[in-house]
Amino acid sequence: MDFRRIKRALCRRLCKQKEGIHLQTVSLSPQGRSRGRVLLSFIIEPFLRKPGEPISHDHTHDWESWQMAQTFLQKGYAVDVISYQNDRFRPKKRYDFFISARTNLEKIAPHLNDDCIKVAHLDTAHWLFNNQAAYTRLLNLQQRREVSLTNVRIVEPNRAIEEADLATVLGNRFTMETYRHAGKELHRIPISAPATYPWDDEKDFDRCRNNYLWFGSSGLVHKGLDLVLEAFAAMPEYHLTVCGPIRNERTFVDAYRKELFETPNIETIGWIDVNSPEFRELTRNTLALVYPSCAEGGGGSAITCMHAGLIPILSREASVDIGDGGMLLAESSIETIQEAVKTLSGRPVEHLQRQARQAWEQARRHHTRETFATRFDGFVTDFLLRR
């Protein structure tokens, strides 16, 4: 049996199915008479669920896309939903508002009625900043380790902000500054979180003061895992747990196999469900998250960990407001990561507990589904319907 041929055939079938999903249009009607129509180009999967099937919590954008549609439906607008990856869609209706992420805005905008208000939904840093930062990280790694990796987290070149009338931004001031050049209105809608957790009064901060976590999704060099691994490999007295889709990036695994799997103070778990008991047990025994990403549109993984009571050690580019509940790295380097870890672990228990509580409160205050829904509703009411 030719397993390679079977694998290729299966991959072709899955790709065809995925392409089919991204070419669909879902039309939603409000209760009562419609006062207008909205075109939403974002994540379509939540609108294709089977009855009773929950919305995926693997990424915040699934629920956020669904909630954005619900906001307009509740205000009496009919909503047509397409995938932001649908490059074939051409509007055949009149739309009052067009909300779009990334590349679809500039592709569809010329085909809309002239009075349609176009909103760019910006869920990443500007593509020029993101891509330069991503390649710089890979180049630095090449010069440091003499290895060239090919896994790079690239944002497609686009003119979404230039073609839009105004924009919503999930990230903080860092992300917003990467779009200031366009001179458009930028409205922050703080990113939501797929899970929230109660404060853990029983957590033993003294016992876990040397335990740290790296938690992220694809683009491992982009999100600084290489730096974190090298930092902890040289600090055997501190323990690091690695959670993420590690084995999806084979060249990274080959380059860092020793650190990932053969270093006593580093444990690689791989992907973990944030709603699982295993994640709660892990965070209960961990002091802080180390996440030196080079470009984000709102650092969702960091916010999830703050919800779980971890102290964040972040880069400025992680695009998360931490208040007094964490540490911002002066730069993303092995040395600054080591210095931050040693400084944090050396603080009194009372200080650690207070900082973790502040991080938890910061996340609860600004990054929940309820907050996202309220802020997006306010944006629609105050800045779209009054234009």
Protein backbone atom coordinates (compact mmCIF):
# COMPACT_ATOMS: atom_id res chain seq x y z
CA MET A 1 0.00 0.00 0.00
CA ASP A 2 1.39 3.42 -1.02
CA PHE A 3 0.83 5.47 2.14
CA ARG A 4 2.37 8.57 0.57
CA ARG A 5 -0.17 8.49 -2.24
CA ILE A 6 -3.00 8.04 0.25
CA LYS A 7 -1.67 10.95 2.32
CA ARG A 8 -1.45 13.22 -0.73
CA ALA A 9 -5.00 12.28 -1.77
CA LEU A 10 -6.29 12.97 1.73
CA CYS A 11 -4.52 16.34 1.82
CA ARG A 12 -6.03 17.30 -1.54
CA ARG A 13 -9.49 16.35 -0.29
CA LEU A 14 -9.10 18.35 2.92
CA CYS A 15 -7.78 21.37 1.01
CA LYS A 16 -10.74 21.19 -1.36
CA GLN A 17 -13.16 21.00 1.57
CA LYS A 18 -11.48 23.96 3.24
CA GLU A 19 -11.58 25.97 0.04
CA GLY A 20 -15.29 25.18 -0.24
CA ILE A 21 -15.91 26.51 3.24
CA HIS A 22 -14.14 29.76 2.44
CA LEU A 23 -16.27 30.31 -0.68
CA GLN A 24 -19.61 30.12 1.13
CA THR A 25 -21.89 33.01 2.02
CA VAL A 26 -24.18 32.92 5.05
CA SER A 27 -27.14 35.31 5.09
CA LEU A 28 -28.69 36.22 8.45
CA SER A 29 -31.94 38.12 8.99
CA PRO A 30 -32.95 40.19 12.03
CA GLN A 31 -36.24 39.80 13.82
CA GLY A 32 -38.79 42.06 12.22
CA ARG A 33 -38.22 44.40 9.32
CA SER A 34 -34.63 45.01 8.24
CA ARG A 35 -33.32 48.57 8.45
CA GLY A 36 -30.34 47.85 6.19
CA ARG A 37 -27.67 45.35 5.27
CA VAL A 38 -24.12 44.63 6.46
CA LEU A 39 -21.37 42.62 4.78
CA LEU A 40 -19.00 40.97 7.27
CA SER A 41 -15.79 39.46 5.90
CA PHE A 42 -14.09 37.66 8.77
CA ILE A 43 -14.28 34.11 10.21
CA ILE A 44 -17.10 32.11 8.65
CA GLU A 45 -16.74 28.80 10.50
CA PRO A 46 -18.92 29.83 13.51
CA PHE A 47 -21.82 30.37 11.09
CA LEU A 48 -21.48 26.89 9.58
CA ARG A 49 -21.84 24.94 12.81
CA LYS A 50 -24.19 22.01 13.17
CA PRO A 51 -27.12 22.46 15.59
CA GLY A 52 -25.84 22.34 19.17
CA GLU A 53 -22.18 22.48 18.14
CA PRO A 54 -20.26 25.01 20.24
CA ILE A 55 -18.13 27.80 18.78
CA SER A 56 -14.47 26.82 18.73
CA HIS A 57 -12.36 28.30 21.51
CA ASP A 58 -9.03 27.57 19.79
CA HIS A 59 -8.80 31.25 18.81
CA THR A 60 -10.63 34.36 19.98
CA HIS A 61 -11.61 35.40 16.46
CA ASP A 62 -14.20 32.62 16.06
CA TRP A 63 -16.49 33.94 18.78
CA GLU A 64 -15.65 37.58 17.98
CA SER A 65 -16.76 37.16 14.35
CA TRP A 66 -20.02 35.62 15.53
CA GLN A 67 -20.57 38.41 18.07
CA MET A 68 -19.95 41.16 15.51
CA ALA A 69 -22.75 39.72 13.37
CA GLN A 70 -25.05 39.43 16.39
CA THR A 71 -24.51 43.12 17.20
CA PHE A 72 -25.80 44.21 13.81
CA LEU A 73 -28.67 41.71 13.90
CA GLN A 74 -29.79 43.08 17.26
CA LYS A 75 -29.84 46.57 15.76
CA GLY A 76 -32.09 45.43 12.94
CA TYR A 77 -29.62 44.87 10.13
CA ALA A 78 -29.46 41.87 7.84
CA VAL A 79 -25.94 40.44 7.71
CA ASP A 80 -24.15 38.58 4.93
CA VAL A 81 -21.06 36.74 6.24
CA ILE A 82 -18.15 35.64 4.07
CA SER A 83 -14.67 34.38 4.90
CA TYR A 84 -11.87 36.93 4.82
CA GLN A 85 -10.13 34.37 2.61
CA ASN A 86 -12.89 34.46 -0.01
CA ASP A 87 -11.16 36.13 -2.95
CA ARG A 88 -13.97 35.41 -5.42
CA PHE A 89 -16.89 37.17 -3.76
CA ARG A 90 -18.37 40.15 -5.59
CA PRO A 91 -21.29 42.01 -3.99
CA LYS A 92 -24.63 41.95 -5.78
CA LYS A 93 -26.52 43.88 -3.11
CA ARG A 94 -26.42 47.33 -1.60
CA TYR A 95 -24.67 47.42 1.79
CA ASP A 96 -24.76 50.10 4.47
CA PHE A 97 -21.60 48.84 6.15
CA PHE A 98 -18.71 46.61 5.14
CA ILE A 99 -16.56 45.17 7.96
CA SER A 100 -13.48 43.32 6.78
CA ALA A 101 -10.21 41.89 7.98
CA ARG A 102 -7.07 42.25 5.88
CA THR A 103 -6.97 41.61 2.14
CA ASN A 104 -10.66 41.36 1.30
CA LEU A 105 -11.35 45.01 1.99
CA GLU A 106 -9.31 46.38 -0.87
CA LYS A 107 -10.55 43.63 -3.21
CA ILE A 108 -14.24 44.14 -2.50
CA ALA A 109 -14.37 47.89 -1.81
CA PRO A 110 -14.33 48.99 -5.48
CA HIS A 111 -17.45 46.87 -6.14
CA LEU A 112 -19.56 48.35 -3.33
CA ASN A 113 -22.12 51.14 -3.56
CA ASP A 114 -20.47 54.54 -3.07
CA ASP A 115 -22.23 55.32 0.22
CA CYS A 116 -21.19 52.06 1.93
CA ILE A 117 -19.09 52.76 5.04
CA LYS A 118 -15.99 50.57 5.02
CA VAL A 119 -14.43 49.42 8.32
CA ALA A 120 -11.06 47.65 8.51
CA HIS A 121 -11.01 45.17 11.38
CA LEU A 122 -7.30 45.07 12.27
CA ASP A 123 -6.34 41.89 14.12
CA THR A 124 -2.59 42.04 13.44
CA ALA A 125 0.10 44.70 13.43
CA HIS A 126 0.49 46.40 10.04
CA TRP A 127 1.81 43.91 7.51
CA LEU A 128 4.99 45.91 6.84
CA PHE A 129 5.90 46.05 10.52
CA ASN A 130 4.91 42.43 11.11
CA ASN A 131 6.81 41.02 8.16
CA GLN A 132 9.98 43.01 8.77
CA ALA A 133 9.96 41.97 12.44
CA ALA A 134 9.36 38.32 11.51
CA TYR A 135 12.24 38.16 9.05
CA THR A 136 14.52 40.06 11.44
CA ARG A 137 13.89 37.39 14.08
CA LEU A 138 14.80 34.64 11.60
CA LEU A 139 17.93 36.50 10.51
CA ASN A 140 19.02 37.00 14.12
CA LEU A 141 18.49 33.29 14.76
CA GLN A 142 20.55 32.41 11.70
CA GLN A 143 23.43 34.58 12.88
CA ARG A 144 23.19 33.23 16.43
CA ARG A 145 22.75 29.50 15.72
CA GLU A 146 23.89 29.18 12.09
CA VAL A 147 20.56 27.72 11.00
CA SER A 148 18.02 29.07 8.50
CA LEU A 149 14.40 28.29 9.38
CA THR A 150 11.55 28.59 6.91
CA ASN A 151 8.56 28.88 9.26
CA VAL A 152 7.70 32.57 9.14
CA ARG A 153 4.46 34.22 10.25
CA ILE A 154 3.70 36.55 7.36
CA VAL A 155 0.72 38.88 6.96
CA GLU A 156 -0.41 39.24 3.36
CA PRO A 157 0.42 42.64 1.83
CA ASN A 158 -2.77 44.70 1.81
CA ARG A 159 -4.16 48.22 1.75
CA ALA A 160 -7.00 47.62 4.18
CA ILE A 161 -6.33 50.71 6.30
CA GLU A 162 -5.82 52.89 3.24
CA GLU A 163 -9.10 51.77 1.62
CA ALA A 164 -11.16 51.94 4.82
CA ASP A 165 -13.14 54.89 6.12
CA LEU A 166 -12.24 53.96 9.71
CA ALA A 167 -10.94 50.95 11.62
CA THR A 168 -11.28 48.82 14.73
CA VAL A 169 -8.11 47.52 16.41
CA LEU A 170 -7.83 44.58 18.80
CA GLY A 171 -4.37 45.44 20.13
CA ASN A 172 -3.11 48.29 22.29
CA ARG A 173 -1.21 51.48 21.46
CA PHE A 174 1.68 49.54 19.92
CA THR A 175 -0.57 47.96 17.28
CA MET A 176 -2.43 51.20 16.67
CA GLU A 177 0.81 53.10 16.06
CA THR A 178 1.67 50.76 13.17
CA TYR A 179 -1.43 52.12 11.38
CA ARG A 180 -1.20 55.86 12.26
CA HIS A 181 0.40 56.72 8.91
CA ALA A 182 -2.95 56.34 7.15
CA GLY A 183 -4.60 59.12 9.15
CA LYS A 184 -7.79 57.13 9.70
CA GLU A 185 -9.96 56.92 12.82
CA LEU A 186 -8.79 54.00 14.95
CA HIS A 187 -11.16 52.56 17.54
CA ARG A 188 -9.84 50.04 20.03
CA ILE A 189 -12.01 46.99 20.74
CA PRO A 190 -9.95 44.99 23.28
CA ILE A 191 -9.52 41.38 22.27
CA SER A 192 -11.69 38.86 24.14
CA ALA A 193 -10.59 35.64 25.85
CA PRO A 194 -11.78 32.09 25.12
CA ALA A 195 -11.81 31.18 28.82
CA THR A 196 -11.87 32.86 32.22
CA TYR A 197 -11.01 31.38 35.59
CA PRO A 198 -11.72 32.22 39.23
CA TRP A 199 -8.91 33.58 41.35
CA ASP A 200 -7.02 30.74 43.05
CA ASP A 201 -6.66 31.55 46.76
CA GLU A 202 -4.83 28.28 47.37
CA LYS A 203 -1.94 28.86 44.97
CA ASP A 204 1.46 28.40 46.62
CA PHE A 205 3.59 31.20 45.17
CA ASP A 206 6.68 30.22 47.11
CA ARG A 207 6.61 26.67 45.76
CA CYS A 208 6.12 27.77 42.14
CA ARG A 209 8.34 30.87 42.15
CA ASN A 210 10.85 29.26 39.74
CA ASN A 211 8.30 27.78 37.31
CA TYR A 212 7.63 29.53 34.01
CA LEU A 213 5.54 28.96 30.88
CA TRP A 214 5.84 29.73 27.18
CA PHE A 215 2.39 29.50 25.62
CA GLY A 216 1.67 30.41 22.02
CA SER A 217 0.45 29.33 18.61
CA SER A 218 2.21 29.01 15.25
CA GLY A 219 5.21 31.11 14.34
CA LEU A 220 7.50 29.90 17.11
CA VAL A 221 10.42 32.20 16.28
CA HIS A 222 8.02 35.09 15.72
CA LYS A 223 6.72 34.54 19.25
CA GLY A 224 10.17 34.24 20.76
CA LEU A 225 10.27 30.58 21.75
CA ASP A 226 13.85 30.27 20.47
CA LEU A 227 14.98 33.06 22.79
CA VAL A 228 13.10 31.61 25.75
CA LEU A 229 14.53 28.13 25.23
CA GLU A 230 18.09 29.43 25.04
CA ALA A 231 17.55 31.60 28.10
CA PHE A 232 16.25 28.74 30.27
CA ALA A 233 18.74 26.17 28.98
CA ALA A 234 21.42 28.34 30.58
CA MET A 235 19.45 28.66 33.87
CA PRO A 236 19.01 25.10 35.19
CA GLU A 237 17.62 26.34 38.49
CA TYR A 238 14.46 27.60 36.72
CA HIS A 239 11.85 25.36 35.12
CA LEU A 240 10.15 26.09 31.78
CA THR A 241 7.06 24.41 30.34
CA VAL A 242 6.40 24.83 26.62
CA CYS A 243 2.83 24.69 25.29
CA GLY A 244 1.94 25.17 21.65
CA PRO A 245 1.82 23.42 18.25
CA ILE A 246 5.53 22.62 18.41
CA ARG A 247 5.59 19.61 16.10
CA ASN A 248 3.91 21.55 13.30
CA GLU A 249 7.21 23.34 12.68
CA ARG A 250 9.67 20.54 11.96
CA THR A 251 12.66 22.73 11.13
CA PHE A 252 12.29 24.46 14.49
CA VAL A 253 12.09 21.11 16.29
CA ASP A 254 15.21 19.93 14.48
CA ALA A 255 17.10 23.08 15.46
CA TYR A 256 15.98 23.02 19.11
CA ARG A 257 15.54 19.30 19.78
CA LYS A 258 18.07 19.35 22.62
CA GLU A 259 16.40 22.26 24.41
CA LEU A 260 12.87 20.97 23.79
CA PHE A 261 13.33 17.31 24.69
CA GLU A 262 16.75 16.73 26.24
CA THR A 263 17.13 19.54 28.78
CA PRO A 264 16.13 18.55 32.35
CA ASN A 265 14.61 21.90 33.33
CA ILE A 266 12.52 22.27 30.14
CA GLU A 267 9.33 20.25 29.61
CA THR A 268 7.59 20.33 26.24
CA ILE A 269 3.90 19.47 26.41
CA GLY A 270 2.73 20.69 23.01
CA TRP A 271 -0.77 21.94 22.34
CA ILE A 272 -3.05 22.18 25.38
CA ASP A 273 -6.76 22.97 25.69
CA VAL A 274 -7.24 26.12 27.80
CA ASN A 275 -10.56 24.75 29.07
CA SER A 276 -8.99 21.50 30.27
CA PRO A 277 -8.18 20.49 33.87
CA GLU A 278 -4.59 19.95 32.69
CA PHE A 279 -4.21 23.63 31.80
CA ARG A 280 -5.62 24.74 35.16
CA GLU A 281 -3.28 22.38 37.00
CA LEU A 282 -0.33 23.65 34.97
CA THR A 283 -1.06 27.31 35.69
CA ARG A 284 -1.67 26.55 39.38
CA ASN A 285 1.94 25.39 39.57
CA THR A 286 3.44 28.13 37.41
CA LEU A 287 4.45 31.66 38.37
CA ALA A 288 4.68 33.52 35.07
CA LEU A 289 4.41 33.54 31.31
CA VAL A 290 7.41 34.54 29.18
CA TYR A 291 6.24 35.76 25.77
CA PRO A 292 8.64 37.97 23.79
CA SER A 293 6.69 38.16 20.52
CA CYS A 294 7.92 40.50 17.79
CA ALA A 295 4.48 41.65 16.52
CA GLU A 296 0.90 41.04 17.64
CA GLY A 297 -2.56 42.40 17.12
CA GLY A 298 -3.53 41.87 20.73
CA GLY A 299 -1.57 39.01 22.39
CA GLY A 300 -4.44 36.61 23.06
CA SER A 301 -2.27 33.86 24.53
CA ALA A 302 -0.78 36.29 27.05
CA ILE A 303 -4.24 37.48 28.07
CA THR A 304 -5.44 33.88 28.55
CA CYS A 305 -2.52 33.30 30.91
CA MET A 306 -3.26 36.51 32.81
CA HIS A 307 -6.82 35.23 33.26
CA ALA A 308 -5.26 32.09 34.74
CA GLY A 309 -3.34 34.15 37.30
CA LEU A 310 0.10 34.12 35.67
CA ILE A 311 2.38 37.15 35.82
CA PRO A 312 3.20 38.23 32.24
CA ILE A 313 6.78 38.91 31.13
CA LEU A 314 6.17 40.39 27.70
CA SER A 315 7.72 42.35 24.88
CA ARG A 316 6.15 45.70 24.02
CA GLU A 317 5.21 44.18 20.67
CA ALA A 318 3.02 41.56 22.40
CA SER A 319 0.47 44.41 22.41
CA VAL A 320 -0.97 43.79 25.88
CA ASP A 321 -1.56 46.41 28.58
CA ILE A 322 -0.34 44.81 31.78
CA GLY A 323 -0.65 47.73 34.20
CA ASP A 324 1.19 46.89 37.41
CA GLY A 325 0.63 43.17 36.91
CA GLY A 326 3.74 42.19 34.98
CA MET A 327 7.04 43.11 33.37
CA LEU A 328 7.79 44.60 29.95
CA LEU A 329 11.14 43.59 28.51
CA ALA A 330 13.39 46.48 27.49
CA GLU A 331 14.29 44.38 24.45
CA SER A 332 13.67 40.82 23.35
CA SER A 333 17.01 39.16 24.02
CA ILE A 334 18.25 36.13 25.88
CA GLU A 335 19.97 38.34 28.44
CA THR A 336 16.92 40.51 29.19
CA ILE A 337 14.73 37.42 29.55
CA GLN A 338 17.17 35.90 32.02
CA GLU A 339 17.38 39.13 33.98
CA ALA A 340 13.59 39.44 34.15
CA VAL A 341 13.16 35.83 35.33
CA LYS A 342 15.79 36.17 38.04
CA THR A 343 14.34 39.49 39.22
CA LEU A 344 10.78 38.20 39.39
CA SER A 345 11.64 34.93 41.13
CA GLY A 346 13.68 36.83 43.71
CA ARG A 347 10.75 38.92 44.90
CA PRO A 348 8.89 38.22 48.17
CA VAL A 349 5.84 35.96 48.09
CA GLU A 350 3.55 38.86 48.96
CA HIS A 351 4.82 40.80 45.96
CA LEU A 352 4.34 37.83 43.62
CA GLN A 353 0.82 37.22 44.85
CA ARG A 354 -0.07 40.90 44.49
CA GLN A 355 1.33 41.10 40.94
CA ALA A 356 -0.47 37.95 39.85
CA ARG A 357 -3.72 39.31 41.28
CA GLN A 358 -3.22 42.60 39.42
CA ALA A 359 -2.64 40.71 36.15
CA TRP A 360 -5.78 38.64 36.74
CA GLU A 361 -7.84 41.75 37.51
CA GLN A 362 -6.48 43.54 34.45
CA ALA A 363 -7.59 40.68 32.21
CA ARG A 364 -10.99 40.40 33.90
CA ARG A 365 -11.55 44.14 33.55
CA HIS A 366 -10.62 44.57 29.90
CA HIS A 367 -10.55 41.22 28.10
CA THR A 368 -13.74 39.20 28.34
CA ARG A 369 -16.43 38.35 25.85
CA GLU A 370 -18.79 40.67 27.69
CA THR A 371 -16.35 43.57 27.39
CA PHE A 372 -15.77 42.89 23.70
CA ALA A 373 -19.52 42.79 23.01
CA THR A 374 -20.08 46.05 24.92
CA ARG A 375 -17.21 47.89 23.22
CA PHE A 376 -18.16 46.73 19.73
CA ASP A 377 -21.79 47.63 20.36
CA GLY A 378 -20.66 51.10 21.46
CA PHE A 379 -18.54 51.48 18.33
CA VAL A 380 -21.46 50.57 16.09
CA THR A 381 -23.89 52.83 17.94
CA ASP A 382 -21.65 55.87 18.44
CA PHE A 383 -19.44 55.85 15.34
CA LEU A 384 -21.28 53.97 12.57
CA LEU A 385 -24.98 54.61 13.01
CA ARG A 386 -24.39 58.32 13.65
CA ARG A 387 -22.27 58.95 10.57
